[in-house]
Each structure stands twice: as structure tokens, then as C-alpha cells.
Amino acid sequence: MPEQPKGLHIRALAPYEDRLLSALSFFRTKRQKTTQAHHCLSMYLRQSESRILGEVEFYARMSGLDKYQLLELIYSDPDRAQELIDNATGVSVADTFEQDSHNIEAD
């Protein structure tokens, strides 16, 4: 049986974004801000689906999986997905986004 979604807890928004969320929830039948934030995140993810799945598909092909197999593996066992991608690419994709790992020298 597929794993069930877990609750998501995020840190507070920046003041401007918090005000935008308040306005959006105000005009949407006075929804609670948490409900509106849930809808906003869901909408963003759906609108970004092709971009996200394009990246998943790129790494899936390199790992010998189809995009939906890798998508499910990322969801259910992210450590195993990371291992497959690292082995296939020879690079740790997770390290790509580490703030301290980029040493850019100015000319």
C-alpha cells in the first residue's frame, strides 16, 4: 500500500508574503490562512508539474527507471533515490545545493 502523505510544517513567511497570503485568504470566502497556504502550495506544485517531472525524468533515465518509478521512490525512500542518482551520475545532486560548497572566486 502506498505511503500516506504527512503533515507539513513550514517556517513563518516574510512580512510581505504574509500580507499577500492574508489578502488572498480574505477575498476567498474568509478562509483560514493555513487553508489558503495549502491551496497556494498545491496550485504552485500543479503549475510546476512539467518542470518538476522533467527533472525527475532526466535523473530517472540515468538511473534506469521511468519517471513515475523515481517519483515514487523519492517520496517513499529518498535515501535510496539519492543513492541511485549519485551512482548513475557520479555526483551527489544533494551537494549541488549546499550553500558552503560553492566557492566562486571573483576576478
Protein backbone atom coordinates (compact mmCIF):
# COMPACT_ATOMS: atom_id res chain seq x y z
CA MET A 1 0.00 0.00 0.00
CA PRO A 2 1.40 3.45 -0.87
CA GLU A 3 2.63 5.63 1.95
CA GLN A 4 0.16 8.28 3.11
CA PRO A 5 1.04 12.00 3.00
CA LYS A 6 2.34 13.52 6.21
CA GLY A 7 1.53 16.92 7.68
CA LEU A 8 3.76 19.76 6.58
CA HIS A 9 5.04 22.44 8.90
CA ILE A 10 6.84 25.46 7.46
CA ARG A 11 8.52 28.46 9.00
CA ALA A 12 6.81 31.85 9.00
CA LEU A 13 6.59 33.78 5.76
CA ALA A 14 8.38 37.04 5.16
CA PRO A 15 6.21 40.05 6.12
CA TYR A 16 5.25 40.95 2.54
CA GLU A 17 4.30 37.39 1.56
CA ASP A 18 2.37 37.01 4.82
CA ARG A 19 0.32 40.08 3.93
CA LEU A 20 -0.30 38.75 0.43
CA LEU A 21 -1.49 35.46 1.89
CA SER A 22 -3.77 37.35 4.29
CA ALA A 23 -5.29 39.33 1.43
CA LEU A 24 -5.77 36.23 -0.69
CA SER A 25 -7.49 34.36 2.13
CA PHE A 26 -9.63 37.45 2.91
CA PHE A 27 -11.00 37.54 -0.65
CA ARG A 28 -11.51 33.79 -0.84
CA THR A 29 -14.53 33.49 1.44
CA LYS A 30 -12.54 34.27 4.56
CA ARG A 31 -10.60 31.03 4.56
CA GLN A 32 -8.11 30.47 7.31
CA LYS A 33 -4.59 31.43 6.29
CA THR A 34 -3.40 27.85 6.75
CA THR A 35 -6.10 26.59 4.39
CA GLN A 36 -5.21 29.27 1.84
CA ALA A 37 -1.49 28.47 2.17
CA HIS A 38 -2.32 24.81 1.50
CA HIS A 39 -4.23 25.79 -1.65
CA CYS A 40 -1.41 28.10 -2.79
CA LEU A 41 1.23 25.39 -2.40
CA SER A 42 -0.98 22.86 -4.17
CA MET A 43 -1.57 25.27 -7.05
CA TYR A 44 2.14 26.09 -7.34
CA LEU A 45 3.05 22.39 -7.46
CA ARG A 46 0.43 21.64 -10.10
CA GLN A 47 1.56 24.59 -12.22
CA SER A 48 5.17 23.42 -11.86
CA GLU A 49 4.43 19.78 -12.61
CA SER A 50 6.03 19.68 -16.06
CA ARG A 51 9.22 21.38 -14.82
CA ILE A 52 9.46 19.10 -11.78
CA LEU A 53 8.71 15.92 -13.73
CA GLY A 54 11.17 16.98 -16.43
CA GLU A 55 13.93 16.97 -13.83
CA VAL A 56 12.68 13.70 -12.34
CA GLU A 57 12.63 12.14 -15.82
CA PHE A 58 16.19 13.28 -16.55
CA TYR A 59 17.52 11.50 -13.45
CA ALA A 60 15.17 8.54 -13.90
CA ARG A 61 16.60 7.81 -17.36
CA MET A 62 20.13 7.97 -15.99
CA SER A 63 19.11 5.61 -13.16
CA GLY A 64 17.33 3.09 -15.40
CA LEU A 65 13.83 3.89 -14.11
CA ASP A 66 10.82 5.61 -15.57
CA LYS A 67 9.86 8.99 -14.15
CA TYR A 68 6.96 7.69 -12.09
CA GLN A 69 9.08 4.95 -10.53
CA LEU A 70 11.67 7.53 -9.48
CA LEU A 71 8.97 9.95 -8.32
CA GLU A 72 7.51 7.25 -6.05
CA LEU A 73 10.98 6.26 -4.82
CA ILE A 74 11.79 9.88 -3.95
CA TYR A 75 8.55 10.01 -1.98
CA SER A 76 8.82 6.67 -0.20
CA ASP A 77 12.60 6.19 0.17
CA PRO A 78 14.54 9.40 -0.59
CA ASP A 79 17.84 7.94 0.68
CA ARG A 80 17.61 5.08 -1.84
CA ALA A 81 16.65 7.52 -4.61
CA GLN A 82 19.67 9.68 -3.74
CA GLU A 83 21.93 6.63 -3.83
CA LEU A 84 20.64 5.59 -7.27
CA ILE A 85 21.07 9.10 -8.68
CA ASP A 86 24.53 9.52 -7.14
CA ASN A 87 25.66 6.17 -8.57
CA ALA A 88 24.23 6.94 -12.01
CA THR A 89 25.69 10.43 -12.28
CA GLY A 90 28.87 10.11 -10.24
CA VAL A 91 27.91 13.33 -8.47
CA SER A 92 25.88 13.97 -5.35
CA VAL A 93 22.94 16.04 -6.54
CA ALA A 94 22.16 16.98 -2.92
CA ASP A 95 25.60 18.58 -2.57
CA THR A 96 24.87 20.78 -5.58
CA PHE A 97 22.60 22.91 -3.44
CA GLU A 98 24.75 23.16 -0.33
CA GLN A 99 25.46 26.83 0.35
CA ASP A 100 29.01 26.27 1.56
CA SER A 101 30.06 24.02 -1.33
CA HIS A 102 30.19 26.81 -3.91
CA ASN A 103 33.47 28.63 -3.95
CA ILE A 104 33.16 31.26 -6.64
CA GLU A 105 36.21 33.42 -7.00
CA ALA A 106 35.91 36.99 -8.21
CA ASP A 107 38.27 38.21 -10.90
